[in-house]
Amino acid sequence: MKKNIILLFIVIILGVGPLFIQKGAEFGGSDGQAEAAVGKIAPDYKPWFHTLWKPPSGEIESLLFALQAGIGAGFIGYFIGFMRGKNKQ
């Protein structure tokens, strides 16, 4: 139990720490950086794929991403718990 609390505290520090260390910094995603790099290397490049649906706002896009992450984490947690319970029997 004590080890879990220590690990949880470390995870929280790792997640929140950069926000306090780099005040005012923009934490952009790699998609924008990759697009800028490709634009510098090959200015005449045209993407061969376009999104089928673009969310109406950035908040909805973030919500969908968080939902996807939550479902994935739930599945992984269920699978690990199921296998651990199966091994104990």
PDB file of N, CA and C in Angstrom:
ATOM      1  N   MET A   1       0.822  -1.196   0.000  1.00  0.00           N
ATOM      2  CA  MET A   1       0.000   0.000   0.000  1.00  0.00           C
ATOM      3  C   MET A   1       0.868   1.263   0.000  1.00  0.00           C
ATOM      4  N   LYS A   2       1.904   1.256   0.832  1.00  0.00           N
ATOM      5  CA  LYS A   2       2.781   2.418   0.930  1.00  0.00           C
ATOM      6  C   LYS A   2       3.526   2.634  -0.394  1.00  0.00           C
ATOM      7  N   LYS A   3       3.922   1.526  -1.028  1.00  0.00           N
ATOM      8  CA  LYS A   3       4.629   1.624  -2.305  1.00  0.00           C
ATOM      9  C   LYS A   3       3.719   2.229  -3.383  1.00  0.00           C
ATOM     10  N   ASN A   4       2.425   1.869  -3.374  1.00  0.00           N
ATOM     11  CA  ASN A   4       1.484   2.422  -4.347  1.00  0.00           C
ATOM     12  C   ASN A   4       1.300   3.922  -4.166  1.00  0.00           C
ATOM     13  N   ILE A   5       1.239   4.366  -2.946  1.00  0.00           N
ATOM     14  CA  ILE A   5       1.076   5.799  -2.673  1.00  0.00           C
ATOM     15  C   ILE A   5       2.317   6.564  -3.131  1.00  0.00           C
ATOM     16  N   ILE A   6       3.483   6.009  -2.879  1.00  0.00           N
ATOM     17  CA  ILE A   6       4.723   6.660  -3.322  1.00  0.00           C
ATOM     18  C   ILE A   6       4.769   6.733  -4.846  1.00  0.00           C
ATOM     19  N   LEU A   7       4.403   5.636  -5.514  1.00  0.00           N
ATOM     20  CA  LEU A   7       4.399   5.624  -6.984  1.00  0.00           C
ATOM     21  C   LEU A   7       3.377   6.622  -7.536  1.00  0.00           C
ATOM     22  N   LEU A   8       2.206   6.709  -6.927  1.00  0.00           N
ATOM     23  CA  LEU A   8       1.192   7.670  -7.359  1.00  0.00           C
ATOM     24  C   LEU A   8       1.702   9.100  -7.194  1.00  0.00           C
ATOM     25  N   PHE A   9       2.361   9.373  -6.102  1.00  0.00           N
ATOM     26  CA  PHE A   9       2.928  10.701  -5.852  1.00  0.00           C
ATOM     27  C   PHE A   9       3.981  11.042  -6.915  1.00  0.00           C
ATOM     28  N   ILE A  10       4.824  10.085  -7.271  1.00  0.00           N
ATOM     29  CA  ILE A  10       5.852  10.304  -8.300  1.00  0.00           C
ATOM     30  C   ILE A  10       5.199  10.590  -9.650  1.00  0.00           C
ATOM     31  N   VAL A  11       4.143   9.855  -9.989  1.00  0.00           N
ATOM     32  CA  VAL A  11       3.445  10.078 -11.255  1.00  0.00           C
ATOM     33  C   VAL A  11       2.835  11.474 -11.292  1.00  0.00           C
ATOM     34  N   ILE A  12       2.240  11.895 -10.194  1.00  0.00           N
ATOM     35  CA  ILE A  12       1.650  13.243 -10.134  1.00  0.00           C
ATOM     36  C   ILE A  12       2.726  14.302 -10.301  1.00  0.00           C
ATOM     37  N   ILE A  13       3.862  14.127  -9.641  1.00  0.00           N
ATOM     38  CA  ILE A  13       4.964  15.088  -9.774  1.00  0.00           C
ATOM     39  C   ILE A  13       5.452  15.145 -11.222  1.00  0.00           C
ATOM     40  N   LEU A  14       5.597  13.987 -11.862  1.00  0.00           N
ATOM     41  CA  LEU A  14       6.051  13.957 -13.257  1.00  0.00           C
ATOM     42  C   LEU A  14       5.040  14.606 -14.199  1.00  0.00           C
ATOM     43  N   GLY A  15       3.763  14.498 -13.895  1.00  0.00           N
ATOM     44  CA  GLY A  15       2.740  15.091 -14.747  1.00  0.00           C
ATOM     45  C   GLY A  15       2.562  16.581 -14.541  1.00  0.00           C
ATOM     46  N   VAL A  16       2.657  17.027 -13.304  1.00  0.00           N
ATOM     47  CA  VAL A  16       2.383  18.431 -12.983  1.00  0.00           C
ATOM     48  C   VAL A  16       3.665  19.260 -12.927  1.00  0.00           C
ATOM     49  N   GLY A  17       4.779  18.637 -12.624  1.00  0.00           N
ATOM     50  CA  GLY A  17       6.050  19.348 -12.479  1.00  0.00           C
ATOM     51  C   GLY A  17       6.423  20.241 -13.655  1.00  0.00           C
ATOM     52  N   PRO A  18       6.360  19.746 -14.889  1.00  0.00           N
ATOM     53  CA  PRO A  18       6.736  20.598 -16.028  1.00  0.00           C
ATOM     54  C   PRO A  18       5.891  21.854 -16.160  1.00  0.00           C
ATOM     55  N   LEU A  19       4.646  21.812 -15.689  1.00  0.00           N
ATOM     56  CA  LEU A  19       3.793  23.002 -15.772  1.00  0.00           C
ATOM     57  C   LEU A  19       4.306  24.121 -14.875  1.00  0.00           C
ATOM     58  N   PHE A  20       4.944  23.759 -13.762  1.00  0.00           N
ATOM     59  CA  PHE A  20       5.487  24.765 -12.855  1.00  0.00           C
ATOM     60  C   PHE A  20       6.912  25.161 -13.240  1.00  0.00           C
ATOM     61  N   ILE A  21       7.654  24.241 -13.814  1.00  0.00           N
ATOM     62  CA  ILE A  21       9.035  24.528 -14.202  1.00  0.00           C
ATOM     63  C   ILE A  21       9.076  25.458 -15.415  1.00  0.00           C
ATOM     64  N   GLN A  22       8.234  25.205 -16.393  1.00  0.00           N
ATOM     65  CA  GLN A  22       8.205  25.990 -17.639  1.00  0.00           C
ATOM     66  C   GLN A  22       6.951  26.858 -17.677  1.00  0.00           C
ATOM     67  N   LYS A  23       6.870  27.837 -16.817  1.00  0.00           N
ATOM     68  CA  LYS A  23       5.688  28.701 -16.773  1.00  0.00           C
ATOM     69  C   LYS A  23       5.549  29.475 -18.075  1.00  0.00           C
ATOM     70  N   GLY A  24       4.342  29.477 -18.624  1.00  0.00           N
ATOM     71  CA  GLY A  24       4.053  30.219 -19.841  1.00  0.00           C
ATOM     72  C   GLY A  24       4.485  29.514 -21.116  1.00  0.00           C
ATOM     73  N   ALA A  25       5.029  28.321 -21.006  1.00  0.00           N
ATOM     74  CA  ALA A  25       5.468  27.593 -22.198  1.00  0.00           C
ATOM     75  C   ALA A  25       4.273  26.950 -22.881  1.00  0.00           C
ATOM     76  N   GLU A  26       4.378  26.797 -24.201  1.00  0.00           N
ATOM     77  CA  GLU A  26       3.341  26.108 -24.954  1.00  0.00           C
ATOM     78  C   GLU A  26       3.777  24.665 -25.163  1.00  0.00           C
ATOM     79  N   PHE A  27       2.924  23.747 -24.755  1.00  0.00           N
ATOM     80  CA  PHE A  27       3.223  22.336 -24.921  1.00  0.00           C
ATOM     81  C   PHE A  27       2.442  21.837 -26.134  1.00  0.00           C
ATOM     82  N   GLY A  28       2.949  22.135 -27.315  1.00  0.00           N
ATOM     83  CA  GLY A  28       2.288  21.726 -28.542  1.00  0.00           C
ATOM     84  C   GLY A  28       2.560  20.272 -28.861  1.00  0.00           C
ATOM     85  N   GLY A  29       1.723  19.735 -29.710  1.00  0.00           N
ATOM     86  CA  GLY A  29       1.881  18.340 -30.096  1.00  0.00           C
ATOM     87  C   GLY A  29       2.904  18.156 -31.191  1.00  0.00           C
ATOM     88  N   SER A  30       3.220  16.923 -31.452  1.00  0.00           N
ATOM     89  CA  SER A  30       4.221  16.614 -32.480  1.00  0.00           C
ATOM     90  C   SER A  30       3.655  16.773 -33.883  1.00  0.00           C
ATOM     91  N   ASP A  31       2.338  16.761 -34.031  1.00  0.00           N
ATOM     92  CA  ASP A  31       1.751  16.911 -35.365  1.00  0.00           C
ATOM     93  C   ASP A  31       2.121  18.248 -35.993  1.00  0.00           C
ATOM     94  N   GLY A  32       1.984  19.310 -35.240  1.00  0.00           N
ATOM     95  CA  GLY A  32       2.311  20.634 -35.763  1.00  0.00           C
ATOM     96  C   GLY A  32       3.789  20.782 -36.074  1.00  0.00           C
ATOM     97  N   GLN A  33       4.640  20.204 -35.226  1.00  0.00           N
ATOM     98  CA  GLN A  33       6.081  20.264 -35.458  1.00  0.00           C
ATOM     99  C   GLN A  33       6.464  19.466 -36.698  1.00  0.00           C
ATOM    100  N   ALA A  34       5.842  18.314 -36.886  1.00  0.00           N
ATOM    101  CA  ALA A  34       6.126  17.491 -38.067  1.00  0.00           C
ATOM    102  C   ALA A  34       5.684  18.208 -39.338  1.00  0.00           C
ATOM    103  N   GLU A  35       4.531  18.857 -39.282  1.00  0.00           N
ATOM    104  CA  GLU A  35       4.030  19.591 -40.452  1.00  0.00           C
ATOM    105  C   GLU A  35       4.982  20.731 -40.819  1.00  0.00           C
ATOM    106  N   ALA A  36       5.489  21.428 -39.815  1.00  0.00           N
ATOM    107  CA  ALA A  36       6.429  22.517 -40.071  1.00  0.00           C
ATOM    108  C   ALA A  36       7.735  21.984 -40.652  1.00  0.00           C
ATOM    109  N   ALA A  37       8.214  20.839 -40.141  1.00  0.00           N
ATOM    110  CA  ALA A  37       9.461  20.253 -40.645  1.00  0.00           C
ATOM    111  C   ALA A  37       9.310  19.797 -42.084  1.00  0.00           C
ATOM    112  N   VAL A  38       8.178  19.178 -42.401  1.00  0.00           N
ATOM    113  CA  VAL A  38       7.944  18.745 -43.787  1.00  0.00           C
ATOM    114  C   VAL A  38       7.833  19.956 -44.701  1.00  0.00           C
ATOM    115  N   GLY A  39       7.209  21.022 -44.218  1.00  0.00           N
ATOM    116  CA  GLY A  39       7.098  22.247 -45.018  1.00  0.00           C
ATOM    117  C   GLY A  39       8.450  22.864 -45.341  1.00  0.00           C
ATOM    118  N   LYS A  40       9.412  22.740 -44.414  1.00  0.00           N
ATOM    119  CA  LYS A  40      10.761  23.256 -44.666  1.00  0.00           C
ATOM    120  C   LYS A  40      11.520  22.365 -45.643  1.00  0.00           C
ATOM    121  N   ILE A  41      11.375  21.054 -45.493  1.00  0.00           N
ATOM    122  CA  ILE A  41      12.125  20.126 -46.337  1.00  0.00           C
ATOM    123  C   ILE A  41      11.573  20.098 -47.756  1.00  0.00           C
ATOM    124  N   ALA A  42      10.254  19.988 -47.881  1.00  0.00           N
ATOM    125  CA  ALA A  42       9.618  19.887 -49.210  1.00  0.00           C
ATOM    126  C   ALA A  42       8.431  20.829 -49.259  1.00  0.00           C
ATOM    127  N   PRO A  43       8.651  22.084 -49.642  1.00  0.00           N
ATOM    128  CA  PRO A  43       7.565  23.068 -49.632  1.00  0.00           C
ATOM    129  C   PRO A  43       6.410  22.725 -50.578  1.00  0.00           C
ATOM    130  N   ASP A  44       6.667  21.940 -51.624  1.00  0.00           N
ATOM    131  CA  ASP A  44       5.613  21.619 -52.586  1.00  0.00           C
ATOM    132  C   ASP A  44       4.898  20.302 -52.258  1.00  0.00           C
ATOM    133  N   TYR A  45       5.147  19.746 -51.086  1.00  0.00           N
ATOM    134  CA  TYR A  45       4.519  18.481 -50.688  1.00  0.00           C
ATOM    135  C   TYR A  45       3.023  18.666 -50.486  1.00  0.00           C
ATOM    136  N   LYS A  46       2.245  17.727 -51.015  1.00  0.00           N
ATOM    137  CA  LYS A  46       0.793  17.746 -50.817  1.00  0.00           C
ATOM    138  C   LYS A  46       0.399  16.473 -50.073  1.00  0.00           C
ATOM    139  N   PRO A  47      -0.343  16.600 -48.971  1.00  0.00           N
ATOM    140  CA  PRO A  47      -0.755  15.415 -48.225  1.00  0.00           C
ATOM    141  C   PRO A  47      -1.594  14.479 -49.095  1.00  0.00           C
ATOM    142  N   TRP A  48      -1.407  13.190 -48.914  1.00  0.00           N
ATOM    143  CA  TRP A  48      -2.153  12.214 -49.698  1.00  0.00           C
ATOM    144  C   TRP A  48      -3.402  11.742 -48.986  1.00  0.00           C
ATOM    145  N   PHE A  49      -3.640  12.213 -47.764  1.00  0.00           N
ATOM    146  CA  PHE A  49      -4.815  11.817 -46.996  1.00  0.00           C
ATOM    147  C   PHE A  49      -5.351  13.024 -46.249  1.00  0.00           C
ATOM    148  N   HIS A  50      -6.649  13.154 -46.218  1.00  0.00           N
ATOM    149  CA  HIS A  50      -7.304  14.224 -45.452  1.00  0.00           C
ATOM    150  C   HIS A  50      -8.271  13.589 -44.460  1.00  0.00           C
ATOM    151  N   THR A  51      -8.485  14.249 -43.336  1.00  0.00           N
ATOM    152  CA  THR A  51      -9.376  13.705 -42.321  1.00  0.00           C
ATOM    153  C   THR A  51     -10.799  13.593 -42.868  1.00  0.00           C
ATOM    154  N   LEU A  52     -11.497  12.568 -42.409  1.00  0.00           N
ATOM    155  CA  LEU A  52     -12.879  12.367 -42.836  1.00  0.00           C
ATOM    156  C   LEU A  52     -13.820  13.303 -42.092  1.00  0.00           C
ATOM    157  N   TRP A  53     -13.483  13.605 -40.835  1.00  0.00           N
ATOM    158  CA  TRP A  53     -14.321  14.472 -40.013  1.00  0.00           C
ATOM    159  C   TRP A  53     -13.431  15.271 -39.079  1.00  0.00           C
ATOM    160  N   LYS A  54     -13.647  16.567 -39.039  1.00  0.00           N
ATOM    161  CA  LYS A  54     -12.887  17.420 -38.131  1.00  0.00           C
ATOM    162  C   LYS A  54     -13.817  17.862 -37.015  1.00  0.00           C
ATOM    163  N   PRO A  55     -13.412  17.640 -35.751  1.00  0.00           N
ATOM    164  CA  PRO A  55     -14.268  18.066 -34.635  1.00  0.00           C
ATOM    165  C   PRO A  55     -14.530  19.566 -34.698  1.00  0.00           C
ATOM    166  N   PRO A  56     -15.726  19.978 -34.261  1.00  0.00           N
ATOM    167  CA  PRO A  56     -16.092  21.400 -34.359  1.00  0.00           C
ATOM    168  C   PRO A  56     -15.232  22.345 -33.532  1.00  0.00           C
ATOM    169  N   SER A  57     -14.591  21.833 -32.475  1.00  0.00           N
ATOM    170  CA  SER A  57     -13.753  22.714 -31.653  1.00  0.00           C
ATOM    171  C   SER A  57     -12.610  21.920 -31.038  1.00  0.00           C
ATOM    172  N   GLY A  58     -11.639  22.647 -30.524  1.00  0.00           N
ATOM    173  CA  GLY A  58     -10.503  22.014 -29.868  1.00  0.00           C
ATOM    174  C   GLY A  58     -10.892  21.284 -28.597  1.00  0.00           C
ATOM    175  N   GLU A  59     -11.941  21.789 -27.918  1.00  0.00           N
ATOM    176  CA  GLU A  59     -12.391  21.136 -26.691  1.00  0.00           C
ATOM    177  C   GLU A  59     -12.964  19.758 -26.982  1.00  0.00           C
ATOM    178  N   ILE A  60     -13.724  19.642 -28.062  1.00  0.00           N
ATOM    179  CA  ILE A  60     -14.295  18.344 -28.427  1.00  0.00           C
ATOM    180  C   ILE A  60     -13.193  17.394 -28.872  1.00  0.00           C
ATOM    181  N   GLU A  61     -12.208  17.922 -29.580  1.00  0.00           N
ATOM    182  CA  GLU A  61     -11.072  17.094 -29.980  1.00  0.00           C
ATOM    183  C   GLU A  61     -10.333  16.568 -28.742  1.00  0.00           C
ATOM    184  N   SER A  62     -10.130  17.420 -27.744  1.00  0.00           N
ATOM    185  CA  SER A  62      -9.485  16.999 -26.500  1.00  0.00           C
ATOM    186  C   SER A  62     -10.345  15.976 -25.760  1.00  0.00           C
ATOM    187  N   LEU A  63     -11.659  16.199 -25.755  1.00  0.00           N
ATOM    188  CA  LEU A  63     -12.567  15.262 -25.110  1.00  0.00           C
ATOM    189  C   LEU A  63     -12.480  13.888 -25.755  1.00  0.00           C
ATOM    190  N   LEU A  64     -12.495  13.834 -27.077  1.00  0.00           N
ATOM    191  CA  LEU A  64     -12.411  12.557 -27.775  1.00  0.00           C
ATOM    192  C   LEU A  64     -11.077  11.862 -27.511  1.00  0.00           C
ATOM    193  N   PHE A  65     -10.008  12.641 -27.458  1.00  0.00           N
ATOM    194  CA  PHE A  65      -8.697  12.065 -27.169  1.00  0.00           C
ATOM    195  C   PHE A  65      -8.662  11.497 -25.750  1.00  0.00           C
ATOM    196  N   ALA A  66      -9.204  12.253 -24.789  1.00  0.00           N
ATOM    197  CA  ALA A  66      -9.230  11.779 -23.402  1.00  0.00           C
ATOM    198  C   ALA A  66     -10.126  10.547 -23.266  1.00  0.00           C
ATOM    199  N   LEU A  67     -11.237  10.528 -23.985  1.00  0.00           N
ATOM    200  CA  LEU A  67     -12.124   9.369 -23.967  1.00  0.00           C
ATOM    201  C   LEU A  67     -11.414   8.139 -24.519  1.00  0.00           C
ATOM    202  N   GLN A  68     -10.705   8.321 -25.618  1.00  0.00           N
ATOM    203  CA  GLN A  68      -9.941   7.225 -26.209  1.00  0.00           C
ATOM    204  C   GLN A  68      -8.880   6.718 -25.228  1.00  0.00           C
ATOM    205  N   ALA A  69      -8.178   7.621 -24.579  1.00  0.00           N
ATOM    206  CA  ALA A  69      -7.155   7.232 -23.609  1.00  0.00           C
ATOM    207  C   ALA A  69      -7.789   6.508 -22.421  1.00  0.00           C
ATOM    208  N   GLY A  70      -8.942   6.985 -21.954  1.00  0.00           N
ATOM    209  CA  GLY A  70      -9.620   6.346 -20.830  1.00  0.00           C
ATOM    210  C   GLY A  70     -10.096   4.938 -21.163  1.00  0.00           C
ATOM    211  N   ILE A  71     -10.648   4.766 -22.349  1.00  0.00           N
ATOM    212  CA  ILE A  71     -11.092   3.432 -22.763  1.00  0.00           C
ATOM    213  C   ILE A  71      -9.899   2.491 -22.875  1.00  0.00           C
ATOM    214  N   GLY A  72      -8.816   2.972 -23.444  1.00  0.00           N
ATOM    215  CA  GLY A  72      -7.614   2.145 -23.565  1.00  0.00           C
ATOM    216  C   GLY A  72      -7.046   1.771 -22.206  1.00  0.00           C
ATOM    217  N   ALA A  73      -6.987   2.736 -21.294  1.00  0.00           N
ATOM    218  CA  ALA A  73      -6.472   2.457 -19.954  1.00  0.00           C
ATOM    219  C   ALA A  73      -7.394   1.496 -19.212  1.00  0.00           C
ATOM    220  N   GLY A  74      -8.701   1.651 -19.387  1.00  0.00           N
ATOM    221  CA  GLY A  74      -9.650   0.734 -18.758  1.00  0.00           C
ATOM    222  C   GLY A  74      -9.482  -0.684 -19.272  1.00  0.00           C
ATOM    223  N   PHE A  75      -9.302  -0.826 -20.573  1.00  0.00           N
ATOM    224  CA  PHE A  75      -9.107  -2.148 -21.157  1.00  0.00           C
ATOM    225  C   PHE A  75      -7.820  -2.792 -20.644  1.00  0.00           C
ATOM    226  N   ILE A  76      -6.745  -2.017 -20.621  1.00  0.00           N
ATOM    227  CA  ILE A  76      -5.466  -2.556 -20.134  1.00  0.00           C
ATOM    228  C   ILE A  76      -5.574  -2.937 -18.662  1.00  0.00           C
ATOM    229  N   GLY A  77      -6.195  -2.072 -17.844  1.00  0.00           N
ATOM    230  CA  GLY A  77      -6.369  -2.379 -16.430  1.00  0.00           C
ATOM    231  C   GLY A  77      -7.230  -3.618 -16.214  1.00  0.00           C
ATOM    232  N   TYR A  78      -8.308  -3.746 -16.978  1.00  0.00           N
ATOM    233  CA  TYR A  78      -9.161  -4.925 -16.868  1.00  0.00           C
ATOM    234  C   TYR A  78      -8.386  -6.178 -17.246  1.00  0.00           C
ATOM    235  N   PHE A  79      -7.635  -6.119 -18.331  1.00  0.00           N
ATOM    236  CA  PHE A  79      -6.885  -7.278 -18.804  1.00  0.00           C
ATOM    237  C   PHE A  79      -5.836  -7.710 -17.781  1.00  0.00           C
ATOM    238  N   ILE A  80      -5.102  -6.746 -17.229  1.00  0.00           N
ATOM    239  CA  ILE A  80      -4.082  -7.076 -16.226  1.00  0.00           C
ATOM    240  C   ILE A  80      -4.737  -7.669 -14.979  1.00  0.00           C
ATOM    241  N   GLY A  81      -5.842  -7.075 -14.524  1.00  0.00           N
ATOM    242  CA  GLY A  81      -6.554  -7.607 -13.366  1.00  0.00           C
ATOM    243  C   GLY A  81      -7.127  -8.984 -13.621  1.00  0.00           C
ATOM    244  N   PHE A  82      -7.678  -9.183 -14.812  1.00  0.00           N
ATOM    245  CA  PHE A  82      -8.234 -10.485 -15.164  1.00  0.00           C
ATOM    246  C   PHE A  82      -7.148 -11.558 -15.174  1.00  0.00           C
ATOM    247  N   MET A  83      -6.010 -11.244 -15.790  1.00  0.00           N
ATOM    248  CA  MET A  83      -4.916 -12.225 -15.853  1.00  0.00           C
ATOM    249  C   MET A  83      -4.329 -12.494 -14.467  1.00  0.00           C
ATOM    250  N   ARG A  84      -4.261 -11.478 -13.655  1.00  0.00           N
ATOM    251  CA  ARG A  84      -3.729 -11.669 -12.296  1.00  0.00           C
ATOM    252  C   ARG A  84      -4.668 -12.543 -11.476  1.00  0.00           C
ATOM    253  N   GLY A  85      -5.974 -12.300 -11.589  1.00  0.00           N
ATOM    254  CA  GLY A  85      -6.947 -13.133 -10.894  1.00  0.00           C
ATOM    255  C   GLY A  85      -6.954 -14.556 -11.410  1.00  0.00           C
ATOM    256  N   LYS A  86      -6.785 -14.709 -12.693  1.00  0.00           N
ATOM    257  CA  LYS A  86      -6.746 -16.044 -13.297  1.00  0.00           C
ATOM    258  C   LYS A  86      -5.528 -16.821 -12.815  1.00  0.00           C
ATOM    259  N   ASN A  87      -4.395 -16.141 -12.681  1.00  0.00           N
ATOM    260  CA  ASN A  87      -3.173 -16.799 -12.217  1.00  0.00           C
ATOM    261  C   ASN A  87      -3.236 -17.172 -10.732  1.00  0.00           C
ATOM    262  N   LYS A  88      -3.999 -16.417  -9.933  1.00  0.00           N
ATOM    263  CA  LYS A  88      -4.114 -16.708  -8.493  1.00  0.00           C
ATOM    264  C   LYS A  88      -4.958 -17.940  -8.231  1.00  0.00           C
ATOM    265  N   GLN A  89      -5.866 -18.272  -9.151  1.00  0.00           N
ATOM    266  CA  GLN A  89      -6.766 -19.413  -8.935  1.00  0.00           C
ATOM    267  C   GLN A  89      -6.099 -20.709  -9.100  1.00  0.00           C
TER     268      GLN A  89
END
